[in-house]
Amino acid sequence: NYLKGCKWAPDGSCILSNSADNVLRVYNLPPEIYTSNWDVLPE
């Protein structure tokens, strides 16, 4: 199930991915990015 690319949304709030299972997935930008708490970001 390899990926076939990723694209940021125009407003930068999320990422769209494509993969070999023919599923498009939307990921939100991790909220920790907007803080200084970068020590442990979850998957």
PDB file of all heavy atoms in Angstrom:
ATOM      1  N   ASN A   1       0.844  -1.190   0.000  1.00  0.00           N
ATOM      2  CA  ASN A   1       0.000   0.000   0.000  1.00  0.00           C
ATOM      3  C   ASN A   1       0.885   1.248   0.000  1.00  0.00           C
ATOM      4  O   ASN A   1       0.892   2.032   0.939  1.00  0.00           O
ATOM      5  CB  ASN A   1      -0.926   0.001   1.222  1.00  0.00           C
ATOM      6  CG  ASN A   1      -2.003   1.059   1.105  1.00  0.00           C
ATOM      7  OD1 ASN A   1      -2.290   1.556   0.019  1.00  0.00           O
ATOM      8  ND2 ASN A   1      -2.602   1.412   2.224  1.00  0.00           N
ATOM      9  N   TYR A   2       1.617   1.406  -1.085  1.00  0.00           N
ATOM     10  CA  TYR A   2       2.533   2.539  -1.204  1.00  0.00           C
ATOM     11  C   TYR A   2       1.760   3.812  -1.534  1.00  0.00           C
ATOM     12  O   TYR A   2       0.671   3.779  -2.108  1.00  0.00           O
ATOM     13  CB  TYR A   2       3.592   2.264  -2.282  1.00  0.00           C
ATOM     14  CG  TYR A   2       3.048   1.856  -3.621  1.00  0.00           C
ATOM     15  CD1 TYR A   2       2.779   2.810  -4.607  1.00  0.00           C
ATOM     16  CD2 TYR A   2       2.800   0.523  -3.912  1.00  0.00           C
ATOM     17  CE1 TYR A   2       2.273   2.439  -5.837  1.00  0.00           C
ATOM     18  CE2 TYR A   2       2.297   0.134  -5.145  1.00  0.00           C
ATOM     19  CZ  TYR A   2       2.031   1.102  -6.098  1.00  0.00           C
ATOM     20  OH  TYR A   2       1.521   0.728  -7.318  1.00  0.00           O
ATOM     21  N   LEU A   3       2.346   4.945  -1.162  1.00  0.00           N
ATOM     22  CA  LEU A   3       1.719   6.225  -1.449  1.00  0.00           C
ATOM     23  C   LEU A   3       2.029   6.671  -2.865  1.00  0.00           C
ATOM     24  O   LEU A   3       3.005   6.217  -3.489  1.00  0.00           O
ATOM     25  CB  LEU A   3       2.160   7.294  -0.442  1.00  0.00           C
ATOM     26  CG  LEU A   3       1.415   7.235   0.900  1.00  0.00           C
ATOM     27  CD1 LEU A   3       2.037   6.200   1.825  1.00  0.00           C
ATOM     28  CD2 LEU A   3       1.393   8.592   1.573  1.00  0.00           C
ATOM     29  N   LYS A   4       1.214   7.592  -3.369  1.00  0.00           N
ATOM     30  CA  LYS A   4       1.374   8.113  -4.721  1.00  0.00           C
ATOM     31  C   LYS A   4       1.315   9.634  -4.726  1.00  0.00           C
ATOM     32  O   LYS A   4       0.851  10.235  -5.690  1.00  0.00           O
ATOM     33  CB  LYS A   4       0.284   7.559  -5.647  1.00  0.00           C
ATOM     34  CG  LYS A   4       0.325   6.053  -5.831  1.00  0.00           C
ATOM     35  CD  LYS A   4      -0.758   5.621  -6.810  1.00  0.00           C
ATOM     36  CE  LYS A   4      -0.717   4.143  -7.102  1.00  0.00           C
ATOM     37  NZ  LYS A   4      -1.744   3.740  -8.103  1.00  0.00           N
ATOM     38  N   GLY A   5       1.784  10.258  -3.655  1.00  0.00           N
ATOM     39  CA  GLY A   5       1.822  11.712  -3.615  1.00  0.00           C
ATOM     40  C   GLY A   5       1.048  12.280  -2.442  1.00  0.00           C
ATOM     41  O   GLY A   5       0.254  11.595  -1.781  1.00  0.00           O
ATOM     42  N   CYS A   6       1.287  13.559  -2.174  1.00  0.00           N
ATOM     43  CA  CYS A   6       0.600  14.284  -1.104  1.00  0.00           C
ATOM     44  C   CYS A   6       0.521  15.755  -1.501  1.00  0.00           C
ATOM     45  O   CYS A   6       1.411  16.261  -2.193  1.00  0.00           O
ATOM     46  CB  CYS A   6       1.326  14.119   0.231  1.00  0.00           C
ATOM     47  SG  CYS A   6       3.058  14.667   0.212  1.00  0.00           S
ATOM     48  N   LYS A   7      -0.539  16.435  -1.063  1.00  0.00           N
ATOM     49  CA  LYS A   7      -0.744  17.832  -1.443  1.00  0.00           C
ATOM     50  C   LYS A   7      -1.338  18.599  -0.271  1.00  0.00           C
ATOM     51  O   LYS A   7      -2.369  18.214   0.289  1.00  0.00           O
ATOM     52  CB  LYS A   7      -1.678  17.934  -2.658  1.00  0.00           C
ATOM     53  CG  LYS A   7      -1.116  17.267  -3.918  1.00  0.00           C
ATOM     54  CD  LYS A   7      -2.058  17.393  -5.105  1.00  0.00           C
ATOM     55  CE  LYS A   7      -1.485  16.685  -6.330  1.00  0.00           C
ATOM     56  NZ  LYS A   7      -2.369  16.825  -7.520  1.00  0.00           N
ATOM     57  N   TRP A   8      -0.676  19.716   0.092  1.00  0.00           N
ATOM     58  CA  TRP A   8      -1.228  20.603   1.115  1.00  0.00           C
ATOM     59  C   TRP A   8      -2.496  21.274   0.600  1.00  0.00           C
ATOM     60  O   TRP A   8      -2.597  21.617  -0.581  1.00  0.00           O
ATOM     61  CB  TRP A   8      -0.229  21.692   1.484  1.00  0.00           C
ATOM     62  CG  TRP A   8       0.889  21.261   2.370  1.00  0.00           C
ATOM     63  CD1 TRP A   8       2.195  21.033   2.011  1.00  0.00           C
ATOM     64  CD2 TRP A   8       0.830  21.014   3.787  1.00  0.00           C
ATOM     65  NE1 TRP A   8       2.937  20.663   3.102  1.00  0.00           N
ATOM     66  CE2 TRP A   8       2.132  20.641   4.210  1.00  0.00           C
ATOM     67  CE3 TRP A   8      -0.194  21.072   4.729  1.00  0.00           C
ATOM     68  CZ2 TRP A   8       2.422  20.328   5.532  1.00  0.00           C
ATOM     69  CZ3 TRP A   8       0.089  20.760   6.039  1.00  0.00           C
ATOM     70  CH2 TRP A   8       1.389  20.389   6.439  1.00  0.00           C
ATOM     71  N   ALA A   9      -3.439  21.486   1.491  1.00  0.00           N
ATOM     72  CA  ALA A   9      -4.605  22.296   1.149  1.00  0.00           C
ATOM     73  C   ALA A   9      -4.170  23.738   0.929  1.00  0.00           C
ATOM     74  O   ALA A   9      -3.175  24.193   1.507  1.00  0.00           O
ATOM     75  CB  ALA A   9      -5.634  22.230   2.280  1.00  0.00           C
ATOM     76  N   PRO A  10      -4.876  24.491   0.091  1.00  0.00           N
ATOM     77  CA  PRO A  10      -4.483  25.879  -0.182  1.00  0.00           C
ATOM     78  C   PRO A  10      -4.392  26.761   1.055  1.00  0.00           C
ATOM     79  O   PRO A  10      -3.607  27.717   1.074  1.00  0.00           O
ATOM     80  CB  PRO A  10      -5.578  26.365  -1.135  1.00  0.00           C
ATOM     81  CG  PRO A  10      -6.041  25.131  -1.836  1.00  0.00           C
ATOM     82  CD  PRO A  10      -5.972  24.051  -0.792  1.00  0.00           C
ATOM     83  N   ASP A  11      -5.175  26.454   2.107  1.00  0.00           N
ATOM     84  CA  ASP A  11      -5.092  27.266   3.320  1.00  0.00           C
ATOM     85  C   ASP A  11      -4.125  26.676   4.342  1.00  0.00           C
ATOM     86  O   ASP A  11      -3.981  27.206   5.444  1.00  0.00           O
ATOM     87  CB  ASP A  11      -6.475  27.454   3.944  1.00  0.00           C
ATOM     88  CG  ASP A  11      -7.017  26.190   4.605  1.00  0.00           C
ATOM     89  OD1 ASP A  11      -6.462  25.090   4.337  1.00  0.00           O
ATOM     90  OD2 ASP A  11      -7.964  26.295   5.391  1.00  0.00           O
ATOM     91  N   GLY A  12      -3.461  25.570   3.999  1.00  0.00           N
ATOM     92  CA  GLY A  12      -2.443  24.996   4.857  1.00  0.00           C
ATOM     93  C   GLY A  12      -2.951  24.249   6.072  1.00  0.00           C
ATOM     94  O   GLY A  12      -2.161  23.864   6.929  1.00  0.00           O
ATOM     95  N   SER A  13      -4.256  23.996   6.167  1.00  0.00           N
ATOM     96  CA  SER A  13      -4.814  23.378   7.364  1.00  0.00           C
ATOM     97  C   SER A  13      -4.697  21.867   7.380  1.00  0.00           C
ATOM     98  O   SER A  13      -4.788  21.247   8.437  1.00  0.00           O
ATOM     99  CB  SER A  13      -6.285  23.764   7.523  1.00  0.00           C
ATOM    100  OG  SER A  13      -7.046  23.263   6.426  1.00  0.00           O
ATOM    101  N   CYS A  14      -4.485  21.249   6.213  1.00  0.00           N
ATOM    102  CA  CYS A  14      -4.478  19.790   6.160  1.00  0.00           C
ATOM    103  C   CYS A  14      -3.719  19.312   4.930  1.00  0.00           C
ATOM    104  O   CYS A  14      -3.370  20.097   4.033  1.00  0.00           O
ATOM    105  CB  CYS A  14      -5.905  19.238   6.164  1.00  0.00           C
ATOM    106  SG  CYS A  14      -6.952  19.915   4.855  1.00  0.00           S
ATOM    107  N   ILE A  15      -3.464  18.009   4.906  1.00  0.00           N
ATOM    108  CA  ILE A  15      -2.728  17.364   3.816  1.00  0.00           C
ATOM    109  C   ILE A  15      -3.626  16.288   3.211  1.00  0.00           C
ATOM    110  O   ILE A  15      -4.320  15.565   3.937  1.00  0.00           O
ATOM    111  CB  ILE A  15      -1.433  16.710   4.329  1.00  0.00           C
ATOM    112  CG1 ILE A  15      -0.646  17.660   5.223  1.00  0.00           C
ATOM    113  CG2 ILE A  15      -0.564  16.243   3.167  1.00  0.00           C
ATOM    114  CD1 ILE A  15       0.452  16.968   6.013  1.00  0.00           C
ATOM    115  N   LEU A  16      -3.573  16.161   1.891  1.00  0.00           N
ATOM    116  CA  LEU A  16      -4.324  15.136   1.173  1.00  0.00           C
ATOM    117  C   LEU A  16      -3.331  14.144   0.569  1.00  0.00           C
ATOM    118  O   LEU A  16      -2.363  14.545  -0.073  1.00  0.00           O
ATOM    119  CB  LEU A  16      -5.171  15.786   0.073  1.00  0.00           C
ATOM    120  CG  LEU A  16      -5.977  14.876  -0.850  1.00  0.00           C
ATOM    121  CD1 LEU A  16      -7.038  14.108  -0.075  1.00  0.00           C
ATOM    122  CD2 LEU A  16      -6.629  15.699  -1.966  1.00  0.00           C
ATOM    123  N   SER A  17      -3.561  12.846   0.795  1.00  0.00           N
ATOM    124  CA  SER A  17      -2.662  11.825   0.253  1.00  0.00           C
ATOM    125  C   SER A  17      -3.423  10.857  -0.638  1.00  0.00           C
ATOM    126  O   SER A  17      -4.630  10.663  -0.495  1.00  0.00           O
ATOM    127  CB  SER A  17      -1.965  11.059   1.382  1.00  0.00           C
ATOM    128  OG  SER A  17      -2.868  10.169   2.020  1.00  0.00           O
ATOM    129  N   ASN A  18      -2.679  10.215  -1.537  1.00  0.00           N
ATOM    130  CA  ASN A  18      -3.204   9.194  -2.431  1.00  0.00           C
ATOM    131  C   ASN A  18      -2.337   7.956  -2.257  1.00  0.00           C
ATOM    132  O   ASN A  18      -1.127   8.062  -2.052  1.00  0.00           O
ATOM    133  CB  ASN A  18      -3.151   9.697  -3.882  1.00  0.00           C
ATOM    134  CG  ASN A  18      -3.576   8.639  -4.887  1.00  0.00           C
ATOM    135  OD1 ASN A  18      -4.330   7.730  -4.558  1.00  0.00           O
ATOM    136  ND2 ASN A  18      -3.077   8.748  -6.110  1.00  0.00           N
ATOM    137  N   SER A  19      -2.949   6.776  -2.318  1.00  0.00           N
ATOM    138  CA  SER A  19      -2.180   5.554  -2.111  1.00  0.00           C
ATOM    139  C   SER A  19      -2.716   4.430  -2.975  1.00  0.00           C
ATOM    140  O   SER A  19      -3.757   4.552  -3.625  1.00  0.00           O
ATOM    141  CB  SER A  19      -2.201   5.149  -0.629  1.00  0.00           C
ATOM    142  OG  SER A  19      -3.521   5.099  -0.141  1.00  0.00           O
ATOM    143  N   ALA A  20      -1.991   3.301  -2.971  1.00  0.00           N
ATOM    144  CA  ALA A  20      -2.285   2.204  -3.888  1.00  0.00           C
ATOM    145  C   ALA A  20      -3.595   1.504  -3.577  1.00  0.00           C
ATOM    146  O   ALA A  20      -4.104   0.754  -4.425  1.00  0.00           O
ATOM    147  CB  ALA A  20      -1.136   1.193  -3.863  1.00  0.00           C
ATOM    148  N   ASP A  21      -4.158   1.707  -2.387  1.00  0.00           N
ATOM    149  CA  ASP A  21      -5.456   1.101  -2.086  1.00  0.00           C
ATOM    150  C   ASP A  21      -6.614   1.929  -2.622  1.00  0.00           C
ATOM    151  O   ASP A  21      -7.776   1.657  -2.311  1.00  0.00           O
ATOM    152  CB  ASP A  21      -5.611   0.867  -0.583  1.00  0.00           C
ATOM    153  CG  ASP A  21      -5.508   2.153   0.233  1.00  0.00           C
ATOM    154  OD1 ASP A  21      -5.278   3.227  -0.366  1.00  0.00           O
ATOM    155  OD2 ASP A  21      -5.643   2.085   1.468  1.00  0.00           O
ATOM    156  N   ASN A  22      -6.304   2.950  -3.428  1.00  0.00           N
ATOM    157  CA  ASN A  22      -7.307   3.812  -4.070  1.00  0.00           C
ATOM    158  C   ASN A  22      -8.148   4.576  -3.054  1.00  0.00           C
ATOM    159  O   ASN A  22      -9.334   4.831  -3.266  1.00  0.00           O
ATOM    160  CB  ASN A  22      -8.227   3.002  -4.999  1.00  0.00           C
ATOM    161  CG  ASN A  22      -7.451   2.192  -6.011  1.00  0.00           C
ATOM    162  OD1 ASN A  22      -6.393   2.619  -6.478  1.00  0.00           O
ATOM    163  ND2 ASN A  22      -7.949   1.020  -6.352  1.00  0.00           N
ATOM    164  N   VAL A  23      -7.510   4.950  -1.941  1.00  0.00           N
ATOM    165  CA  VAL A  23      -8.173   5.732  -0.901  1.00  0.00           C
ATOM    166  C   VAL A  23      -7.466   7.075  -0.767  1.00  0.00           C
ATOM    167  O   VAL A  23      -6.227   7.136  -0.667  1.00  0.00           O
ATOM    168  CB  VAL A  23      -8.161   4.995   0.454  1.00  0.00           C
ATOM    169  CG1 VAL A  23      -8.734   5.885   1.559  1.00  0.00           C
ATOM    170  CG2 VAL A  23      -8.953   3.697   0.361  1.00  0.00           C
ATOM    171  N   LEU A  24      -8.228   8.149  -0.800  1.00  0.00           N
ATOM    172  CA  LEU A  24      -7.716   9.489  -0.538  1.00  0.00           C
ATOM    173  C   LEU A  24      -7.913   9.779   0.948  1.00  0.00           C
ATOM    174  O   LEU A  24      -8.999   9.562   1.490  1.00  0.00           O
ATOM    175  CB  LEU A  24      -8.458  10.520  -1.385  1.00  0.00           C
ATOM    176  CG  LEU A  24      -8.251  10.388  -2.898  1.00  0.00           C
ATOM    177  CD1 LEU A  24      -9.393  11.042  -3.651  1.00  0.00           C
ATOM    178  CD2 LEU A  24      -6.922  11.003  -3.316  1.00  0.00           C
ATOM    179  N   ARG A  25      -6.860  10.259   1.606  1.00  0.00           N
ATOM    180  CA  ARG A  25      -6.910  10.511   3.037  1.00  0.00           C
ATOM    181  C   ARG A  25      -6.582  11.968   3.329  1.00  0.00           C
ATOM    182  O   ARG A  25      -5.689  12.546   2.703  1.00  0.00           O
ATOM    183  CB  ARG A  25      -5.927   9.604   3.773  1.00  0.00           C
ATOM    184  CG  ARG A  25      -6.295   8.119   3.742  1.00  0.00           C
ATOM    185  CD  ARG A  25      -5.186   7.259   4.316  1.00  0.00           C
ATOM    186  NE  ARG A  25      -5.582   5.865   4.471  1.00  0.00           N
ATOM    187  CZ  ARG A  25      -5.496   4.940   3.501  1.00  0.00           C
ATOM    188  NH1 ARG A  25      -5.030   5.286   2.297  1.00  0.00           N
ATOM    189  NH2 ARG A  25      -5.875   3.696   3.722  1.00  0.00           N
ATOM    190  N   VAL A  26      -7.301  12.524   4.290  1.00  0.00           N
ATOM    191  CA  VAL A  26      -7.058  13.893   4.746  1.00  0.00           C
ATOM    192  C   VAL A  26      -6.491  13.839   6.156  1.00  0.00           C
ATOM    193  O   VAL A  26      -7.068  13.193   7.045  1.00  0.00           O
ATOM    194  CB  VAL A  26      -8.346  14.736   4.719  1.00  0.00           C
ATOM    195  CG1 VAL A  26      -8.107  16.105   5.356  1.00  0.00           C
ATOM    196  CG2 VAL A  26      -8.841  14.910   3.288  1.00  0.00           C
ATOM    197  N   TYR A  27      -5.338  14.509   6.348  1.00  0.00           N
ATOM    198  CA  TYR A  27      -4.695  14.626   7.652  1.00  0.00           C
ATOM    199  C   TYR A  27      -4.708  16.083   8.080  1.00  0.00           C
ATOM    200  O   TYR A  27      -4.293  16.967   7.314  1.00  0.00           O
ATOM    201  CB  TYR A  27      -3.240  14.154   7.593  1.00  0.00           C
ATOM    202  CG  TYR A  27      -3.044  12.690   7.294  1.00  0.00           C
ATOM    203  CD1 TYR A  27      -3.065  12.217   5.977  1.00  0.00           C
ATOM    204  CD2 TYR A  27      -2.819  11.779   8.317  1.00  0.00           C
ATOM    205  CE1 TYR A  27      -2.874  10.873   5.695  1.00  0.00           C
ATOM    206  CE2 TYR A  27      -2.624  10.428   8.042  1.00  0.00           C
ATOM    207  CZ  TYR A  27      -2.656   9.982   6.736  1.00  0.00           C
ATOM    208  OH  TYR A  27      -2.461   8.654   6.463  1.00  0.00           O
ATOM    209  N   ASN A  28      -5.162  16.341   9.305  1.00  0.00           N
ATOM    210  CA  ASN A  28      -5.065  17.692   9.836  1.00  0.00           C
ATOM    211  C   ASN A  28      -3.624  18.011  10.205  1.00  0.00           C
ATOM    212  O   ASN A  28      -2.855  17.122  10.606  1.00  0.00           O
ATOM    213  CB  ASN A  28      -5.933  17.840  11.093  1.00  0.00           C
ATOM    214  CG  ASN A  28      -7.398  18.030  10.767  1.00  0.00           C
ATOM    215  OD1 ASN A  28      -7.751  18.409   9.653  1.00  0.00           O
ATOM    216  ND2 ASN A  28      -8.251  17.763  11.737  1.00  0.00           N
ATOM    217  N   LEU A  29      -3.260  19.266  10.090  1.00  0.00           N
ATOM    218  CA  LEU A  29      -1.961  19.707  10.569  1.00  0.00           C
ATOM    219  C   LEU A  29      -1.928  19.516  12.084  1.00  0.00           C
ATOM    220  O   LEU A  29      -2.816  19.990  12.790  1.00  0.00           O
ATOM    221  CB  LEU A  29      -1.752  21.182  10.213  1.00  0.00           C
ATOM    222  CG  LEU A  29      -0.405  21.797  10.538  1.00  0.00           C
ATOM    223  CD1 LEU A  29       0.706  21.109   9.764  1.00  0.00           C
ATOM    224  CD2 LEU A  29      -0.416  23.285  10.208  1.00  0.00           C
ATOM    225  N   PRO A  30      -0.938  18.800  12.628  1.00  0.00           N
ATOM    226  CA  PRO A  30      -0.918  18.550  14.074  1.00  0.00           C
ATOM    227  C   PRO A  30      -0.980  19.846  14.871  1.00  0.00           C
ATOM    228  O   PRO A  30      -0.220  20.784  14.599  1.00  0.00           O
ATOM    229  CB  PRO A  30       0.417  17.828  14.287  1.00  0.00           C
ATOM    230  CG  PRO A  30       0.729  17.200  12.966  1.00  0.00           C
ATOM    231  CD  PRO A  30       0.192  18.151  11.939  1.00  0.00           C
ATOM    232  N   PRO A  31      -1.883  19.953  15.848  1.00  0.00           N
ATOM    233  CA  PRO A  31      -2.011  21.204  16.600  1.00  0.00           C
ATOM    234  C   PRO A  31      -0.756  21.565  17.374  1.00  0.00           C
ATOM    235  O   PRO A  31      -0.530  22.737  17.683  1.00  0.00           O
ATOM    236  CB  PRO A  31      -3.186  20.919  17.548  1.00  0.00           C
ATOM    237  CG  PRO A  31      -3.307  19.430  17.607  1.00  0.00           C
ATOM    238  CD  PRO A  31      -2.842  18.923  16.284  1.00  0.00           C
ATOM    239  N   GLU A  32       0.107  20.573  17.682  1.00  0.00           N
ATOM    240  CA  GLU A  32       1.350  20.869  18.402  1.00  0.00           C
ATOM    241  C   GLU A  32       2.279  21.767  17.603  1.00  0.00           C
ATOM    242  O   GLU A  32       3.169  22.416  18.180  1.00  0.00           O
ATOM    243  CB  GLU A  32       2.084  19.563  18.754  1.00  0.00           C
ATOM    244  CG  GLU A  32       1.371  18.681  19.765  1.00  0.00           C
ATOM    245  CD  GLU A  32       0.343  17.758  19.125  1.00  0.00           C
ATOM    246  OE1 GLU A  32       0.126  17.871  17.889  1.00  0.00           O
ATOM    247  OE2 GLU A  32      -0.248  16.935  19.844  1.00  0.00           O
ATOM    248  N   ILE A  33       2.078  21.822  16.284  1.00  0.00           N
ATOM    249  CA  ILE A  33       2.936  22.666  15.446  1.00  0.00           C
ATOM    250  C   ILE A  33       2.802  24.132  15.841  1.00  0.00           C
ATOM    251  O   ILE A  33       3.744  24.918  15.717  1.00  0.00           O
ATOM    252  CB  ILE A  33       2.572  22.489  13.956  1.00  0.00           C
ATOM    253  CG1 ILE A  33       2.828  21.040  13.528  1.00  0.00           C
ATOM    254  CG2 ILE A  33       3.364  23.444  13.066  1.00  0.00           C
ATOM    255  CD1 ILE A  33       4.268  20.604  13.598  1.00  0.00           C
ATOM    256  N   TYR A  34       1.634  24.512  16.345  1.00  0.00           N
ATOM    257  CA  TYR A  34       1.397  25.911  16.689  1.00  0.00           C
ATOM    258  C   TYR A  34       1.873  26.264  18.094  1.00  0.00           C
ATOM    259  O   TYR A  34       1.643  27.358  18.574  1.00  0.00           O
ATOM    260  CB  TYR A  34      -0.100  26.234  16.562  1.00  0.00           C
ATOM    261  CG  TYR A  34      -0.612  26.021  15.167  1.00  0.00           C
ATOM    262  CD1 TYR A  34      -1.363  24.897  14.840  1.00  0.00           C
ATOM    263  CD2 TYR A  34      -0.326  26.928  14.160  1.00  0.00           C
ATOM    264  CE1 TYR A  34      -1.820  24.688  13.553  1.00  0.00           C
ATOM    265  CE2 TYR A  34      -0.780  26.735  12.873  1.00  0.00           C
ATOM    266  CZ  TYR A  34      -1.521  25.611  12.575  1.00  0.00           C
ATOM    267  OH  TYR A  34      -1.966  25.409  11.296  1.00  0.00           O
ATOM    268  N   THR A  35       2.520  25.317  18.755  1.00  0.00           N
ATOM    269  CA  THR A  35       3.075  25.561  20.078  1.00  0.00           C
ATOM    270  C   THR A  35       4.559  25.237  20.046  1.00  0.00           C
ATOM    271  O   THR A  35       5.114  24.869  19.009  1.00  0.00           O
ATOM    272  CB  THR A  35       2.372  24.674  21.129  1.00  0.00           C
ATOM    273  OG1 THR A  35       2.803  23.317  20.956  1.00  0.00           O
ATOM    274  CG2 THR A  35       0.859  24.748  20.985  1.00  0.00           C
ATOM    275  N   SER A  36       5.210  25.356  21.162  1.00  0.00           N
ATOM    276  CA  SER A  36       6.625  24.978  21.261  1.00  0.00           C
ATOM    277  C   SER A  36       6.777  23.557  21.776  1.00  0.00           C
ATOM    278  O   SER A  36       7.884  23.112  22.068  1.00  0.00           O
ATOM    279  CB  SER A  36       7.356  25.947  22.191  1.00  0.00           C
ATOM    280  OG  SER A  36       6.756  25.942  23.475  1.00  0.00           O
ATOM    281  N   ASN A  37       5.673  22.820  21.887  1.00  0.00           N
ATOM    282  CA  ASN A  37       5.702  21.457  22.415  1.00  0.00           C
ATOM    283  C   ASN A  37       5.932  20.465  21.285  1.00  0.00           C
ATOM    284  O   ASN A  37       5.023  19.761  20.850  1.00  0.00           O
ATOM    285  CB  ASN A  37       4.392  21.147  23.156  1.00  0.00           C
ATOM    286  CG  ASN A  37       4.425  19.790  23.829  1.00  0.00           C
ATOM    287  OD1 ASN A  37       5.498  19.275  24.126  1.00  0.00           O
ATOM    288  ND2 ASN A  37       3.257  19.212  24.045  1.00  0.00           N
ATOM    289  N   TRP A  38       7.175  20.414  20.801  1.00  0.00           N
ATOM    290  CA  TRP A  38       7.506  19.543  19.684  1.00  0.00           C
ATOM    291  C   TRP A  38       8.270  18.299  20.121  1.00  0.00           C
ATOM    292  O   TRP A  38       8.730  17.536  19.281  1.00  0.00           O
ATOM    293  CB  TRP A  38       8.369  20.295  18.669  1.00  0.00           C
ATOM    294  CG  TRP A  38       7.659  21.361  17.934  1.00  0.00           C
ATOM    295  CD1 TRP A  38       6.354  21.741  18.039  1.00  0.00           C
ATOM    296  CD2 TRP A  38       8.240  22.226  16.952  1.00  0.00           C
ATOM    297  NE1 TRP A  38       6.080  22.781  17.194  1.00  0.00           N
ATOM    298  CE2 TRP A  38       7.221  23.104  16.505  1.00  0.00           C
ATOM    299  CE3 TRP A  38       9.498  22.352  16.411  1.00  0.00           C
ATOM    300  CZ2 TRP A  38       7.439  24.087  15.551  1.00  0.00           C
ATOM    301  CZ3 TRP A  38       9.728  23.317  15.457  1.00  0.00           C
ATOM    302  CH2 TRP A  38       8.701  24.183  15.025  1.00  0.00           C
ATOM    303  N   ASP A  39       8.457  18.118  21.412  1.00  0.00           N
ATOM    304  CA  ASP A  39       9.315  17.033  21.862  1.00  0.00           C
ATOM    305  C   ASP A  39       8.791  15.667  21.427  1.00  0.00           C
ATOM    306  O   ASP A  39       9.535  14.824  20.945  1.00  0.00           O
ATOM    307  CB  ASP A  39       9.453  17.071  23.389  1.00  0.00           C
ATOM    308  CG  ASP A  39      10.189  18.321  23.851  1.00  0.00           C
ATOM    309  OD1 ASP A  39      11.044  18.797  23.097  1.00  0.00           O
ATOM    310  OD2 ASP A  39       9.890  18.804  24.954  1.00  0.00           O
ATOM    311  N   VAL A  40       7.503  15.455  21.594  1.00  0.00           N
ATOM    312  CA  VAL A  40       6.905  14.172  21.225  1.00  0.00           C
ATOM    313  C   VAL A  40       5.620  14.447  20.459  1.00  0.00           C
ATOM    314  O   VAL A  40       4.580  14.723  21.046  1.00  0.00           O
ATOM    315  CB  VAL A  40       6.616  13.298  22.454  1.00  0.00           C
ATOM    316  CG1 VAL A  40       6.007  11.972  22.009  1.00  0.00           C
ATOM    317  CG2 VAL A  40       7.878  13.063  23.259  1.00  0.00           C
ATOM    318  N   LEU A  41       5.686  14.375  19.139  1.00  0.00           N
ATOM    319  CA  LEU A  41       4.491  14.508  18.320  1.00  0.00           C
ATOM    320  C   LEU A  41       3.970  13.110  18.002  1.00  0.00           C
ATOM    321  O   LEU A  41       4.736  12.242  17.561  1.00  0.00           O
ATOM    322  CB  LEU A  41       4.784  15.254  17.021  1.00  0.00           C
ATOM    323  CG  LEU A  41       4.572  16.770  17.039  1.00  0.00           C
ATOM    324  CD1 LEU A  41       5.624  17.427  17.913  1.00  0.00           C
ATOM    325  CD2 LEU A  41       4.625  17.346  15.632  1.00  0.00           C
ATOM    326  N   PRO A  42       2.694  12.846  18.221  1.00  0.00           N
ATOM    327  CA  PRO A  42       2.170  11.503  17.938  1.00  0.00           C
ATOM    328  C   PRO A  42       2.133  11.224  16.443  1.00  0.00           C
ATOM    329  O   PRO A  42       2.197  12.136  15.613  1.00  0.00           O
ATOM    330  CB  PRO A  42       0.754  11.564  18.527  1.00  0.00           C
ATOM    331  CG  PRO A  42       0.387  13.019  18.463  1.00  0.00           C
ATOM    332  CD  PRO A  42       1.662  13.770  18.715  1.00  0.00           C
ATOM    333  N   GLU A  43       2.035   9.954  16.103  1.00  0.00           N
ATOM    334  CA  GLU A  43       1.874   9.576  14.705  1.00  0.00           C
ATOM    335  C   GLU A  43       0.574  10.167  14.172  1.00  0.00           C
ATOM    336  O   GLU A  43      -0.446  10.178  14.859  1.00  0.00           O
ATOM    337  CB  GLU A  43       1.850   8.061  14.564  1.00  0.00           C
ATOM    338  CG  GLU A  43       1.667   7.599  13.121  1.00  0.00           C
ATOM    339  CD  GLU A  43       1.591   6.088  12.978  1.00  0.00           C
ATOM    340  OE1 GLU A  43       1.768   5.394  14.005  1.00  0.00           O
ATOM    341  OE2 GLU A  43       1.353   5.617  11.854  1.00  0.00           O
TER     342      GLU A  43
END
